[in-house]
Amino acid sequence: MEQVIAKKYARALFNAAIENDSIEKYYSELKSISEMLKDKQIYRIITTRGIYIKQKMRLIDDILNGYDKEVINFIKLIISKHREHIFQEIFNEYEKLYLDYKGIINATLISAHPLDSKTLDAIKSRLESNFKKTVNLNPTVDESILGGLKILIGNKVIDGSIKGKLETMLKNLVSAS
């Protein structure tokens, strides 16, 4: 349910960003606010129901001084509707809309050992060619995959790891028995 609500809020702000030609600005400011909310004291004040909304609004005005008025009002709307506990989900949904609009996808590349920049560039280029989008590649090392590569893009998994192939073989052997 919260995911649906977060999508609606994100879509509303994204539509406003398009109308105001401020997609980049809103994204940047939401990212900054998301970082601010990692401060436990600020997060506690914003999310505690025992604190009056007027006090929360004053805090928002103080810490977001200089931010776009539309973004400030959006944050205040979230607070007034008691949705502040799903702010991160709202930001995540806005980020998805932003990246899709910009033609960007995030991909995590998992390998058993660090890859050189030439190999990373070749993989990135291949992914961009296949998906017809700009790829932000985040390489990570996980020795447990034994070898090969595993790529995570959204909820898609491209598993070319040795571990993945062994697990598939085991499943096939068990189901054949």
N, C-alpha and C. Protein backbone atom coordinates (compact mmCIF):
# COMPACT_ATOMS: atom_id res chain seq x y z
N MET A 1 0.82 -1.20 0.00
CA MET A 1 0.00 0.00 0.00
C MET A 1 0.86 1.27 0.00
N GLU A 2 1.91 1.25 0.85
CA GLU A 2 2.77 2.43 0.92
C GLU A 2 3.48 2.68 -0.41
N GLN A 3 3.80 1.61 -1.10
CA GLN A 3 4.47 1.74 -2.40
C GLN A 3 3.57 2.47 -3.39
N VAL A 4 2.29 2.14 -3.37
CA VAL A 4 1.32 2.79 -4.27
C VAL A 4 1.21 4.27 -3.93
N ILE A 5 1.14 4.57 -2.65
CA ILE A 5 1.05 5.97 -2.21
C ILE A 5 2.32 6.73 -2.60
N ALA A 6 3.47 6.10 -2.38
CA ALA A 6 4.75 6.75 -2.74
C ALA A 6 4.80 7.05 -4.23
N LYS A 7 4.32 6.12 -5.05
CA LYS A 7 4.32 6.34 -6.51
C LYS A 7 3.44 7.52 -6.88
N LYS A 8 2.28 7.64 -6.22
CA LYS A 8 1.37 8.76 -6.53
C LYS A 8 2.00 10.10 -6.19
N TYR A 9 2.63 10.17 -5.01
CA TYR A 9 3.29 11.42 -4.62
C TYR A 9 4.44 11.74 -5.58
N ALA A 10 5.25 10.75 -5.88
CA ALA A 10 6.39 10.96 -6.77
C ALA A 10 5.93 11.41 -8.14
N ARG A 11 4.89 10.77 -8.67
CA ARG A 11 4.35 11.12 -9.99
C ARG A 11 3.84 12.56 -9.98
N ALA A 12 3.16 12.96 -8.91
CA ALA A 12 2.62 14.32 -8.82
C ALA A 12 3.76 15.35 -8.85
N LEU A 13 4.82 15.10 -8.07
CA LEU A 13 5.94 16.04 -8.05
C LEU A 13 6.68 16.01 -9.39
N PHE A 14 6.81 14.85 -9.98
CA PHE A 14 7.50 14.76 -11.27
C PHE A 14 6.73 15.53 -12.35
N ASN A 15 5.42 15.41 -12.34
CA ASN A 15 4.60 16.17 -13.29
C ASN A 15 4.78 17.68 -13.08
N ALA A 16 4.83 18.09 -11.81
CA ALA A 16 5.06 19.51 -11.51
C ALA A 16 6.45 19.93 -11.99
N ALA A 17 7.42 19.05 -11.84
CA ALA A 17 8.79 19.34 -12.28
C ALA A 17 8.84 19.53 -13.79
N ILE A 18 8.09 18.70 -14.51
CA ILE A 18 8.04 18.83 -15.97
C ILE A 18 7.40 20.17 -16.35
N GLU A 19 6.27 20.48 -15.71
CA GLU A 19 5.58 21.75 -15.98
C GLU A 19 6.47 22.95 -15.71
N ASN A 20 7.26 22.88 -14.64
CA ASN A 20 8.11 24.00 -14.24
C ASN A 20 9.51 23.93 -14.85
N ASP A 21 9.72 22.94 -15.73
CA ASP A 21 11.04 22.73 -16.34
C ASP A 21 12.13 22.69 -15.28
N SER A 22 11.88 21.90 -14.22
CA SER A 22 12.79 21.83 -13.07
C SER A 22 13.11 20.40 -12.66
N ILE A 23 13.13 19.50 -13.61
CA ILE A 23 13.34 18.09 -13.29
C ILE A 23 14.67 17.88 -12.57
N GLU A 24 15.73 18.46 -13.10
CA GLU A 24 17.06 18.32 -12.48
C GLU A 24 17.09 18.95 -11.10
N LYS A 25 16.54 20.14 -11.00
CA LYS A 25 16.56 20.88 -9.73
C LYS A 25 15.81 20.10 -8.64
N TYR A 26 14.61 19.62 -8.95
CA TYR A 26 13.83 18.89 -7.96
C TYR A 26 14.55 17.61 -7.55
N TYR A 27 15.14 16.93 -8.54
CA TYR A 27 15.87 15.69 -8.24
C TYR A 27 17.03 15.99 -7.29
N SER A 28 17.78 17.01 -7.60
CA SER A 28 18.92 17.39 -6.77
C SER A 28 18.49 17.76 -5.36
N GLU A 29 17.41 18.52 -5.25
CA GLU A 29 16.93 18.94 -3.94
C GLU A 29 16.36 17.76 -3.15
N LEU A 30 15.64 16.88 -3.81
CA LEU A 30 15.12 15.69 -3.11
C LEU A 30 16.27 14.81 -2.62
N LYS A 31 17.31 14.70 -3.42
CA LYS A 31 18.47 13.91 -3.02
C LYS A 31 19.12 14.52 -1.77
N SER A 32 19.21 15.83 -1.76
CA SER A 32 19.78 16.55 -0.62
C SER A 32 18.92 16.36 0.63
N ILE A 33 17.61 16.45 0.46
CA ILE A 33 16.69 16.26 1.60
C ILE A 33 16.79 14.84 2.12
N SER A 34 16.90 13.89 1.22
CA SER A 34 17.06 12.49 1.61
C SER A 34 18.31 12.32 2.48
N GLU A 35 19.39 12.99 2.11
CA GLU A 35 20.62 12.95 2.90
C GLU A 35 20.41 13.59 4.27
N MET A 36 19.68 14.71 4.30
CA MET A 36 19.39 15.38 5.58
C MET A 36 18.63 14.47 6.52
N LEU A 37 17.70 13.71 5.95
CA LEU A 37 16.86 12.84 6.78
C LEU A 37 17.62 11.64 7.33
N LYS A 38 18.84 11.45 6.88
CA LYS A 38 19.68 10.40 7.46
C LYS A 38 20.20 10.82 8.83
N ASP A 39 20.13 12.12 9.11
CA ASP A 39 20.47 12.62 10.45
C ASP A 39 19.36 12.16 11.39
N LYS A 40 19.71 11.34 12.36
CA LYS A 40 18.70 10.73 13.25
C LYS A 40 17.86 11.76 13.99
N GLN A 41 18.46 12.87 14.38
CA GLN A 41 17.72 13.88 15.13
C GLN A 41 16.66 14.56 14.24
N ILE A 42 17.05 14.93 13.03
CA ILE A 42 16.09 15.55 12.10
C ILE A 42 15.00 14.55 11.76
N TYR A 43 15.39 13.32 11.46
CA TYR A 43 14.40 12.30 11.11
C TYR A 43 13.40 12.08 12.25
N ARG A 44 13.91 12.02 13.46
CA ARG A 44 13.04 11.80 14.63
C ARG A 44 12.04 12.96 14.78
N ILE A 45 12.50 14.17 14.61
CA ILE A 45 11.60 15.33 14.73
C ILE A 45 10.52 15.28 13.65
N ILE A 46 10.93 14.99 12.42
CA ILE A 46 9.99 14.97 11.30
C ILE A 46 8.96 13.85 11.44
N THR A 47 9.37 12.70 11.95
CA THR A 47 8.48 11.54 11.97
C THR A 47 7.72 11.32 13.28
N THR A 48 8.06 12.05 14.33
CA THR A 48 7.38 11.86 15.62
C THR A 48 6.01 12.50 15.58
N ARG A 49 5.00 11.70 15.86
CA ARG A 49 3.61 12.20 15.83
C ARG A 49 3.32 13.14 16.98
N GLY A 50 4.06 13.05 18.07
CA GLY A 50 3.82 13.90 19.24
C GLY A 50 4.25 15.34 19.05
N ILE A 51 4.97 15.62 18.00
CA ILE A 51 5.42 16.99 17.73
C ILE A 51 4.39 17.65 16.81
N TYR A 52 3.97 18.85 17.17
CA TYR A 52 2.96 19.56 16.40
C TYR A 52 3.44 19.80 14.96
N ILE A 53 2.48 19.73 14.05
CA ILE A 53 2.79 19.93 12.63
C ILE A 53 3.38 21.32 12.40
N LYS A 54 2.86 22.33 13.13
CA LYS A 54 3.38 23.70 12.95
C LYS A 54 4.87 23.75 13.28
N GLN A 55 5.29 23.02 14.31
CA GLN A 55 6.71 22.99 14.67
C GLN A 55 7.52 22.32 13.56
N LYS A 56 6.97 21.25 13.00
CA LYS A 56 7.66 20.56 11.90
C LYS A 56 7.77 21.48 10.69
N MET A 57 6.71 22.23 10.42
CA MET A 57 6.73 23.15 9.27
C MET A 57 7.79 24.23 9.45
N ARG A 58 7.92 24.74 10.68
CA ARG A 58 8.96 25.75 10.94
C ARG A 58 10.34 25.15 10.72
N LEU A 59 10.53 23.91 11.17
CA LEU A 59 11.81 23.24 10.96
C LEU A 59 12.09 23.10 9.46
N ILE A 60 11.08 22.70 8.71
CA ILE A 60 11.24 22.55 7.26
C ILE A 60 11.63 23.88 6.63
N ASP A 61 10.95 24.96 7.04
CA ASP A 61 11.30 26.29 6.51
C ASP A 61 12.75 26.65 6.83
N ASP A 62 13.19 26.29 8.04
CA ASP A 62 14.56 26.62 8.45
C ASP A 62 15.61 25.81 7.69
N ILE A 63 15.41 24.48 7.63
CA ILE A 63 16.46 23.65 7.03
C ILE A 63 16.42 23.65 5.50
N LEU A 64 15.27 24.03 4.93
CA LEU A 64 15.17 24.05 3.47
C LEU A 64 15.17 25.47 2.91
N ASN A 65 15.66 26.40 3.69
CA ASN A 65 15.76 27.78 3.24
C ASN A 65 16.62 27.83 1.97
N GLY A 66 16.08 28.41 0.91
CA GLY A 66 16.79 28.50 -0.36
C GLY A 66 16.39 27.42 -1.36
N TYR A 67 15.63 26.45 -0.92
CA TYR A 67 15.16 25.40 -1.83
C TYR A 67 13.96 25.92 -2.62
N ASP A 68 13.66 25.26 -3.71
CA ASP A 68 12.52 25.63 -4.55
C ASP A 68 11.23 25.58 -3.72
N LYS A 69 10.39 26.58 -3.89
CA LYS A 69 9.15 26.69 -3.13
C LYS A 69 8.25 25.46 -3.35
N GLU A 70 8.23 24.96 -4.57
CA GLU A 70 7.41 23.78 -4.89
C GLU A 70 7.87 22.55 -4.11
N VAL A 71 9.19 22.38 -3.99
CA VAL A 71 9.74 21.25 -3.24
C VAL A 71 9.42 21.40 -1.76
N ILE A 72 9.58 22.59 -1.23
CA ILE A 72 9.27 22.84 0.18
C ILE A 72 7.80 22.53 0.45
N ASN A 73 6.92 23.03 -0.42
CA ASN A 73 5.49 22.77 -0.23
C ASN A 73 5.17 21.29 -0.35
N PHE A 74 5.88 20.60 -1.21
CA PHE A 74 5.70 19.16 -1.37
C PHE A 74 6.06 18.43 -0.07
N ILE A 75 7.18 18.79 0.53
CA ILE A 75 7.60 18.18 1.79
C ILE A 75 6.59 18.49 2.89
N LYS A 76 6.11 19.71 2.91
CA LYS A 76 5.09 20.09 3.90
C LYS A 76 3.80 19.31 3.70
N LEU A 77 3.44 19.07 2.45
CA LEU A 77 2.24 18.28 2.15
C LEU A 77 2.40 16.86 2.69
N ILE A 78 3.55 16.28 2.47
CA ILE A 78 3.82 14.93 2.97
C ILE A 78 3.66 14.90 4.50
N ILE A 79 4.21 15.90 5.16
CA ILE A 79 4.11 15.96 6.62
C ILE A 79 2.67 16.18 7.06
N SER A 80 1.96 17.08 6.40
CA SER A 80 0.57 17.37 6.80
C SER A 80 -0.34 16.16 6.61
N LYS A 81 0.01 15.27 5.68
CA LYS A 81 -0.78 14.06 5.43
C LYS A 81 -0.25 12.86 6.23
N HIS A 82 0.71 13.13 7.13
CA HIS A 82 1.32 12.09 7.97
C HIS A 82 1.94 10.97 7.15
N ARG A 83 2.62 11.35 6.08
CA ARG A 83 3.28 10.38 5.20
C ARG A 83 4.81 10.50 5.29
N GLU A 84 5.30 11.21 6.30
CA GLU A 84 6.73 11.46 6.39
C GLU A 84 7.56 10.19 6.54
N HIS A 85 6.97 9.12 7.06
CA HIS A 85 7.70 7.86 7.23
C HIS A 85 7.96 7.16 5.89
N ILE A 86 7.32 7.60 4.80
CA ILE A 86 7.58 6.99 3.49
C ILE A 86 8.33 7.94 2.56
N PHE A 87 8.95 8.95 3.14
CA PHE A 87 9.66 9.90 2.30
C PHE A 87 10.70 9.20 1.43
N GLN A 88 11.46 8.28 1.98
CA GLN A 88 12.51 7.62 1.20
C GLN A 88 11.91 6.85 0.03
N GLU A 89 10.77 6.21 0.24
CA GLU A 89 10.10 5.49 -0.85
C GLU A 89 9.65 6.47 -1.93
N ILE A 90 9.16 7.64 -1.50
CA ILE A 90 8.74 8.66 -2.47
C ILE A 90 9.96 9.11 -3.28
N PHE A 91 11.08 9.36 -2.60
CA PHE A 91 12.28 9.77 -3.32
C PHE A 91 12.72 8.67 -4.29
N ASN A 92 12.69 7.43 -3.85
CA ASN A 92 13.10 6.32 -4.73
C ASN A 92 12.23 6.25 -5.98
N GLU A 93 10.93 6.47 -5.80
CA GLU A 93 10.01 6.46 -6.95
C GLU A 93 10.29 7.65 -7.87
N TYR A 94 10.56 8.82 -7.29
CA TYR A 94 10.89 9.99 -8.10
C TYR A 94 12.17 9.72 -8.89
N GLU A 95 13.14 9.11 -8.22
CA GLU A 95 14.41 8.81 -8.88
C GLU A 95 14.19 7.86 -10.06
N LYS A 96 13.31 6.88 -9.92
CA LYS A 96 13.00 5.97 -11.03
C LYS A 96 12.43 6.74 -12.21
N LEU A 97 11.50 7.66 -11.91
CA LEU A 97 10.89 8.48 -12.96
C LEU A 97 11.95 9.35 -13.63
N TYR A 98 12.81 9.95 -12.82
CA TYR A 98 13.88 10.81 -13.31
C TYR A 98 14.83 10.03 -14.24
N LEU A 99 15.29 8.89 -13.77
CA LEU A 99 16.23 8.09 -14.56
C LEU A 99 15.59 7.61 -15.86
N ASP A 100 14.34 7.19 -15.78
CA ASP A 100 13.64 6.74 -16.98
C ASP A 100 13.50 7.90 -17.97
N TYR A 101 13.13 9.06 -17.47
CA TYR A 101 12.99 10.25 -18.31
C TYR A 101 14.31 10.61 -19.00
N LYS A 102 15.42 10.45 -18.27
CA LYS A 102 16.74 10.78 -18.79
C LYS A 102 17.34 9.65 -19.62
N GLY A 103 16.67 8.49 -19.64
CA GLY A 103 17.19 7.36 -20.40
C GLY A 103 18.41 6.73 -19.74
N ILE A 104 18.37 6.64 -18.42
CA ILE A 104 19.49 6.10 -17.66
C ILE A 104 19.01 4.87 -16.87
N ILE A 105 19.86 3.85 -16.83
CA ILE A 105 19.57 2.71 -15.96
C ILE A 105 20.78 2.46 -15.07
N ASN A 106 20.50 2.01 -13.86
CA ASN A 106 21.56 1.64 -12.92
C ASN A 106 21.76 0.14 -12.99
N ALA A 107 23.01 -0.27 -13.09
CA ALA A 107 23.33 -1.69 -13.14
C ALA A 107 24.44 -1.99 -12.14
N THR A 108 24.27 -3.08 -11.42
CA THR A 108 25.32 -3.56 -10.52
C THR A 108 25.99 -4.75 -11.19
N LEU A 109 27.28 -4.66 -11.32
CA LEU A 109 28.07 -5.72 -11.94
C LEU A 109 28.85 -6.42 -10.84
N ILE A 110 28.57 -7.71 -10.66
CA ILE A 110 29.23 -8.48 -9.61
C ILE A 110 30.23 -9.43 -10.27
N SER A 111 31.46 -9.39 -9.79
CA SER A 111 32.49 -10.29 -10.30
C SER A 111 33.22 -10.90 -9.11
N ALA A 112 33.92 -11.99 -9.36
CA ALA A 112 34.65 -12.67 -8.30
C ALA A 112 35.95 -11.94 -7.94
N HIS A 113 36.42 -11.10 -8.83
CA HIS A 113 37.64 -10.32 -8.59
C HIS A 113 37.49 -8.97 -9.29
N PRO A 114 38.27 -7.97 -8.88
CA PRO A 114 38.16 -6.65 -9.51
C PRO A 114 38.45 -6.71 -11.01
N LEU A 115 37.69 -5.93 -11.78
CA LEU A 115 37.87 -5.89 -13.23
C LEU A 115 38.59 -4.61 -13.62
N ASP A 116 39.40 -4.67 -14.66
CA ASP A 116 40.11 -3.48 -15.12
C ASP A 116 39.15 -2.55 -15.87
N SER A 117 39.56 -1.32 -16.04
CA SER A 117 38.68 -0.30 -16.64
C SER A 117 38.31 -0.63 -18.09
N LYS A 118 39.21 -1.27 -18.82
CA LYS A 118 38.92 -1.65 -20.21
C LYS A 118 37.76 -2.65 -20.26
N THR A 119 37.79 -3.63 -19.38
CA THR A 119 36.73 -4.64 -19.31
C THR A 119 35.41 -4.00 -18.88
N LEU A 120 35.47 -3.12 -17.87
CA LEU A 120 34.27 -2.43 -17.40
C LEU A 120 33.66 -1.59 -18.51
N ASP A 121 34.51 -0.88 -19.26
CA ASP A 121 34.02 -0.06 -20.37
C ASP A 121 33.36 -0.91 -21.44
N ALA A 122 33.94 -2.07 -21.73
CA ALA A 122 33.37 -2.96 -22.74
C ALA A 122 32.00 -3.49 -22.29
N ILE A 123 31.89 -3.86 -21.02
CA ILE A 123 30.61 -4.36 -20.49
C ILE A 123 29.57 -3.24 -20.51
N LYS A 124 29.98 -2.06 -20.08
CA LYS A 124 29.06 -0.91 -20.08
C LYS A 124 28.57 -0.62 -21.49
N SER A 125 29.48 -0.61 -22.43
CA SER A 125 29.14 -0.35 -23.83
C SER A 125 28.15 -1.38 -24.36
N ARG A 126 28.39 -2.64 -24.03
CA ARG A 126 27.49 -3.72 -24.48
C ARG A 126 26.10 -3.56 -23.87
N LEU A 127 26.05 -3.23 -22.58
CA LEU A 127 24.75 -3.02 -21.93
C LEU A 127 24.01 -1.84 -22.54
N GLU A 128 24.73 -0.75 -22.80
CA GLU A 128 24.11 0.42 -23.41
C GLU A 128 23.58 0.09 -24.79
N SER A 129 24.30 -0.71 -25.53
CA SER A 129 23.86 -1.13 -26.85
C SER A 129 22.60 -2.00 -26.76
N ASN A 130 22.59 -2.91 -25.82
CA ASN A 130 21.43 -3.81 -25.66
C ASN A 130 20.19 -3.11 -25.15
N PHE A 131 20.37 -2.20 -24.18
CA PHE A 131 19.22 -1.55 -23.55
C PHE A 131 18.86 -0.21 -24.21
N LYS A 132 19.73 0.29 -25.08
CA LYS A 132 19.50 1.58 -25.74
C LYS A 132 19.31 2.71 -24.73
N LYS A 133 20.06 2.63 -23.63
CA LYS A 133 20.02 3.65 -22.58
C LYS A 133 21.43 3.85 -22.04
N THR A 134 21.62 4.96 -21.37
CA THR A 134 22.88 5.21 -20.69
C THR A 134 22.91 4.33 -19.44
N VAL A 135 24.04 3.70 -19.18
CA VAL A 135 24.14 2.78 -18.04
C VAL A 135 25.11 3.36 -17.00
N ASN A 136 24.63 3.47 -15.76
CA ASN A 136 25.49 3.76 -14.62
C ASN A 136 25.91 2.40 -14.06
N LEU A 137 27.16 2.05 -14.25
CA LEU A 137 27.64 0.73 -13.85
C LEU A 137 28.32 0.81 -12.49
N ASN A 138 27.86 -0.02 -11.56
CA ASN A 138 28.41 -0.07 -10.22
C ASN A 138 29.08 -1.43 -10.02
N PRO A 139 30.40 -1.50 -10.24
CA PRO A 139 31.08 -2.79 -10.09
C PRO A 139 31.31 -3.14 -8.62
N THR A 140 31.03 -4.39 -8.27
CA THR A 140 31.30 -4.89 -6.92
C THR A 140 31.97 -6.25 -7.02
N VAL A 141 32.66 -6.61 -5.96
CA VAL A 141 33.35 -7.90 -5.93
C VAL A 141 32.68 -8.79 -4.90
N ASP A 142 32.39 -10.02 -5.32
CA ASP A 142 31.82 -11.04 -4.43
C ASP A 142 32.47 -12.36 -4.80
N GLU A 143 33.44 -12.76 -4.00
CA GLU A 143 34.20 -13.97 -4.30
C GLU A 143 33.34 -15.23 -4.28
N SER A 144 32.18 -15.17 -3.64
CA SER A 144 31.33 -16.36 -3.52
C SER A 144 30.74 -16.79 -4.87
N ILE A 145 30.78 -15.90 -5.89
CA ILE A 145 30.23 -16.32 -7.20
C ILE A 145 31.23 -17.19 -7.97
N LEU A 146 32.44 -17.34 -7.43
CA LEU A 146 33.49 -18.22 -7.94
C LEU A 146 34.14 -17.74 -9.24
N GLY A 147 33.40 -17.20 -10.15
CA GLY A 147 33.93 -16.72 -11.43
C GLY A 147 32.78 -16.26 -12.29
N GLY A 148 33.09 -15.69 -13.43
CA GLY A 148 32.04 -15.18 -14.30
C GLY A 148 31.52 -13.85 -13.80
N LEU A 149 30.33 -13.48 -14.29
CA LEU A 149 29.73 -12.19 -13.93
C LEU A 149 28.25 -12.37 -13.60
N LYS A 150 27.77 -11.46 -12.78
CA LYS A 150 26.35 -11.39 -12.47
C LYS A 150 25.98 -9.91 -12.58
N ILE A 151 24.91 -9.61 -13.32
CA ILE A 151 24.50 -8.22 -13.51
C ILE A 151 23.08 -8.05 -13.01
N LEU A 152 22.88 -7.03 -12.17
CA LEU A 152 21.56 -6.71 -11.63
C LEU A 152 21.11 -5.38 -12.19
N ILE A 153 19.96 -5.39 -12.87
CA ILE A 153 19.39 -4.16 -13.42
C ILE A 153 17.93 -4.13 -13.00
N GLY A 154 17.62 -3.24 -12.05
CA GLY A 154 16.26 -3.21 -11.51
C GLY A 154 15.94 -4.56 -10.89
N ASN A 155 14.88 -5.19 -11.36
CA ASN A 155 14.53 -6.51 -10.84
C ASN A 155 14.97 -7.64 -11.78
N LYS A 156 15.81 -7.30 -12.77
CA LYS A 156 16.35 -8.30 -13.69
C LYS A 156 17.71 -8.76 -13.20
N VAL A 157 17.97 -10.05 -13.37
CA VAL A 157 19.26 -10.62 -13.01
C VAL A 157 19.80 -11.38 -14.22
N ILE A 158 20.99 -11.01 -14.64
CA ILE A 158 21.68 -11.74 -15.70
C ILE A 158 22.81 -12.48 -14.99
N ASP A 159 22.64 -13.78 -14.83
CA ASP A 159 23.59 -14.55 -14.03
C ASP A 159 24.46 -15.43 -14.92
N GLY A 160 25.68 -14.98 -15.14
CA GLY A 160 26.65 -15.76 -15.88
C GLY A 160 27.77 -16.22 -14.96
N SER A 161 27.45 -16.30 -13.66
CA SER A 161 28.47 -16.71 -12.69
C SER A 161 28.60 -18.23 -12.66
N ILE A 162 29.74 -18.69 -12.25
CA ILE A 162 29.96 -20.13 -12.11
C ILE A 162 29.02 -20.69 -11.05
N LYS A 163 28.87 -19.97 -9.96
CA LYS A 163 27.97 -20.40 -8.89
C LYS A 163 26.54 -20.56 -9.43
N GLY A 164 26.09 -19.59 -10.21
CA GLY A 164 24.74 -19.64 -10.78
C GLY A 164 24.57 -20.84 -11.71
N LYS A 165 25.59 -21.09 -12.52
CA LYS A 165 25.53 -22.23 -13.44
C LYS A 165 25.52 -23.56 -12.69
N LEU A 166 26.31 -23.65 -11.62
CA LEU A 166 26.33 -24.86 -10.80
C LEU A 166 24.98 -25.10 -10.13
N GLU A 167 24.38 -24.01 -9.62
CA GLU A 167 23.07 -24.14 -8.98
C GLU A 167 22.01 -24.58 -9.99
N THR A 168 22.07 -24.06 -11.20
CA THR A 168 21.13 -24.46 -12.26
C THR A 168 21.31 -25.93 -12.61
N MET A 169 22.56 -26.36 -12.73
CA MET A 169 22.83 -27.77 -13.02
C MET A 169 22.29 -28.67 -11.91
N LEU A 170 22.49 -28.27 -10.66
CA LEU A 170 22.01 -29.05 -9.53
C LEU A 170 20.49 -29.16 -9.55
N LYS A 171 19.82 -28.06 -9.83
CA LYS A 171 18.35 -28.08 -9.91
C LYS A 171 17.89 -29.02 -11.02
N ASN A 172 18.56 -28.95 -12.16
CA ASN A 172 18.20 -29.83 -13.29
C ASN A 172 18.42 -31.29 -12.94
N LEU A 173 19.52 -31.59 -12.25
CA LEU A 173 19.79 -32.97 -11.84
C LEU A 173 18.76 -33.48 -10.85
N VAL A 174 18.39 -32.63 -9.89
CA VAL A 174 17.41 -33.01 -8.89
C VAL A 174 16.05 -33.22 -9.53
N SER A 175 15.65 -32.34 -10.44
CA SER A 175 14.34 -32.49 -11.09
C SER A 175 14.30 -33.67 -12.06
N ALA A 176 15.46 -34.06 -12.61
CA ALA A 176 15.53 -35.20 -13.51
C ALA A 176 15.45 -36.54 -12.76
N SER A 177 15.75 -36.49 -11.47
CA SER A 177 15.78 -37.74 -10.67
C SER A 177 14.40 -38.26 -10.41
